[in-house]
């Protein structure tokens, strides 16, 4: 039970960290201050977290990592689109 609670808290705080950046980027269409390589490395890390979630059959981790990866990919796409 404690593992489930810690996973839920850790995953949700990580997910909510992406939301302000994504919303700001969509609203302003400005990506000048965003590091492309930082988000690429974040996406690579999230892929490995996805594999870890699969290995441990931790569905909370897996679900949040999918959401995070989608948001990270969206930011990368916006960075490539708006420069």
C-alpha atoms as a PDB file:
ATOM      1  CA  UNK A   1       0.000   0.000   0.000  1.00  0.00           C
ATOM      2  CA  UNK A   2       2.809   2.430   0.829  1.00  0.00           C
ATOM      3  CA  UNK A   3       4.471   1.703  -2.510  1.00  0.00           C
ATOM      4  CA  UNK A   4       1.203   2.527  -4.294  1.00  0.00           C
ATOM      5  CA  UNK A   5       0.853   5.853  -2.446  1.00  0.00           C
ATOM      6  CA  UNK A   6       4.471   6.884  -3.069  1.00  0.00           C
ATOM      7  CA  UNK A   7       4.179   5.956  -6.746  1.00  0.00           C
ATOM      8  CA  UNK A   8       0.972   7.959  -7.076  1.00  0.00           C
ATOM      9  CA  UNK A   9       2.465  11.059  -5.420  1.00  0.00           C
ATOM     10  CA  UNK A  10       5.735  10.883  -7.358  1.00  0.00           C
ATOM     11  CA  UNK A  11       4.050  10.285 -10.700  1.00  0.00           C
ATOM     12  CA  UNK A  12       1.426  12.986 -10.270  1.00  0.00           C
ATOM     13  CA  UNK A  13       3.912  15.666  -9.215  1.00  0.00           C
ATOM     14  CA  UNK A  14       6.089  14.829 -12.205  1.00  0.00           C
ATOM     15  CA  UNK A  15       3.094  15.015 -14.507  1.00  0.00           C
ATOM     16  CA  UNK A  16       1.821  18.299 -13.115  1.00  0.00           C
ATOM     17  CA  UNK A  17       5.312  19.758 -13.669  1.00  0.00           C
ATOM     18  CA  UNK A  18       4.860  19.495 -17.444  1.00  0.00           C
ATOM     19  CA  UNK A  19       1.430  21.111 -17.603  1.00  0.00           C
ATOM     20  CA  UNK A  20       2.422  24.780 -16.991  1.00  0.00           C
ATOM     21  CA  UNK A  21       5.184  24.635 -19.618  1.00  0.00           C
ATOM     22  CA  UNK A  22       2.941  22.993 -22.182  1.00  0.00           C
ATOM     23  CA  UNK A  23       0.074  25.437 -21.609  1.00  0.00           C
ATOM     24  CA  UNK A  24       2.395  28.460 -21.730  1.00  0.00           C
ATOM     25  CA  UNK A  25       3.984  27.226 -24.950  1.00  0.00           C
ATOM     26  CA  UNK A  26       0.611  26.615 -26.574  1.00  0.00           C
ATOM     27  CA  UNK A  27      -0.704  30.012 -25.464  1.00  0.00           C
ATOM     28  CA  UNK A  28       2.332  32.139 -26.401  1.00  0.00           C
ATOM     29  CA  UNK A  29       3.694  30.019 -29.253  1.00  0.00           C
ATOM     30  CA  UNK A  30       7.121  30.964 -27.948  1.00  0.00           C
ATOM     31  CA  UNK A  31       9.737  28.276 -27.449  1.00  0.00           C
ATOM     32  CA  UNK A  32      12.798  30.511 -27.436  1.00  0.00           C
ATOM     33  CA  UNK A  33      13.685  29.725 -23.828  1.00  0.00           C
ATOM     34  CA  UNK A  34      13.043  25.976 -24.072  1.00  0.00           C
ATOM     35  CA  UNK A  35      15.998  23.642 -24.455  1.00  0.00           C
ATOM     36  CA  UNK A  36      15.268  21.106 -27.173  1.00  0.00           C
ATOM     37  CA  UNK A  37      17.968  18.733 -25.949  1.00  0.00           C
ATOM     38  CA  UNK A  38      16.668  18.840 -22.375  1.00  0.00           C
ATOM     39  CA  UNK A  39      13.231  17.720 -23.532  1.00  0.00           C
ATOM     40  CA  UNK A  40      14.704  15.097 -25.856  1.00  0.00           C
ATOM     41  CA  UNK A  41      16.675  13.654 -22.939  1.00  0.00           C
ATOM     42  CA  UNK A  42      13.561  13.811 -20.772  1.00  0.00           C
ATOM     43  CA  UNK A  43      11.634  11.867 -23.438  1.00  0.00           C
ATOM     44  CA  UNK A  44      14.371   9.230 -23.600  1.00  0.00           C
ATOM     45  CA  UNK A  45      14.278   8.920 -19.815  1.00  0.00           C
ATOM     46  CA  UNK A  46      10.503   8.569 -19.887  1.00  0.00           C
ATOM     47  CA  UNK A  47      10.767   5.712 -22.380  1.00  0.00           C
ATOM     48  CA  UNK A  48      12.984   3.873 -19.902  1.00  0.00           C
ATOM     49  CA  UNK A  49      10.527   4.645 -17.082  1.00  0.00           C
ATOM     50  CA  UNK A  50       7.830   3.122 -19.286  1.00  0.00           C
ATOM     51  CA  UNK A  51       9.875  -0.062 -19.606  1.00  0.00           C
ATOM     52  CA  UNK A  52      10.409  -0.089 -15.842  1.00  0.00           C
ATOM     53  CA  UNK A  53       6.667   0.281 -15.274  1.00  0.00           C
ATOM     54  CA  UNK A  54       6.090  -2.662 -17.589  1.00  0.00           C
ATOM     55  CA  UNK A  55       8.745  -4.785 -15.869  1.00  0.00           C
ATOM     56  CA  UNK A  56       7.280  -4.090 -12.426  1.00  0.00           C
ATOM     57  CA  UNK A  57       3.709  -4.217 -13.726  1.00  0.00           C
ATOM     58  CA  UNK A  58       3.179  -0.907 -11.996  1.00  0.00           C
ATOM     59  CA  UNK A  59       0.158   0.468 -13.827  1.00  0.00           C
ATOM     60  CA  UNK A  60       0.208   3.819 -12.037  1.00  0.00           C
ATOM     61  CA  UNK A  61       3.788   4.441 -13.133  1.00  0.00           C
ATOM     62  CA  UNK A  62       2.994   3.234 -16.619  1.00  0.00           C
ATOM     63  CA  UNK A  63      -0.076   5.443 -17.032  1.00  0.00           C
ATOM     64  CA  UNK A  64       1.607   8.581 -15.780  1.00  0.00           C
ATOM     65  CA  UNK A  65       4.693   7.932 -17.905  1.00  0.00           C
ATOM     66  CA  UNK A  66       2.536   7.646 -21.017  1.00  0.00           C
ATOM     67  CA  UNK A  67       0.880  10.972 -20.182  1.00  0.00           C
ATOM     68  CA  UNK A  68       4.270  12.584 -19.452  1.00  0.00           C
ATOM     69  CA  UNK A  69       5.752  11.248 -22.668  1.00  0.00           C
ATOM     70  CA  UNK A  70       2.838  12.648 -24.685  1.00  0.00           C
ATOM     71  CA  UNK A  71       3.263  16.075 -23.065  1.00  0.00           C
ATOM     72  CA  UNK A  72       7.027  15.980 -23.528  1.00  0.00           C
ATOM     73  CA  UNK A  73       6.599  15.009 -27.181  1.00  0.00           C
ATOM     74  CA  UNK A  74       4.108  17.852 -27.626  1.00  0.00           C
ATOM     75  CA  UNK A  75       6.637  20.347 -26.242  1.00  0.00           C
ATOM     76  CA  UNK A  76       9.328  18.943 -28.548  1.00  0.00           C
ATOM     77  CA  UNK A  77       6.953  19.233 -31.502  1.00  0.00           C
ATOM     78  CA  UNK A  78       6.126  22.837 -30.593  1.00  0.00           C
ATOM     79  CA  UNK A  79       9.828  23.637 -30.212  1.00  0.00           C
ATOM     80  CA  UNK A  80      10.514  22.252 -33.683  1.00  0.00           C
ATOM     81  CA  UNK A  81       7.515  24.107 -35.117  1.00  0.00           C
ATOM     82  CA  UNK A  82       8.074  27.508 -33.519  1.00  0.00           C
ATOM     83  CA  UNK A  83      11.853  27.378 -33.130  1.00  0.00           C
END
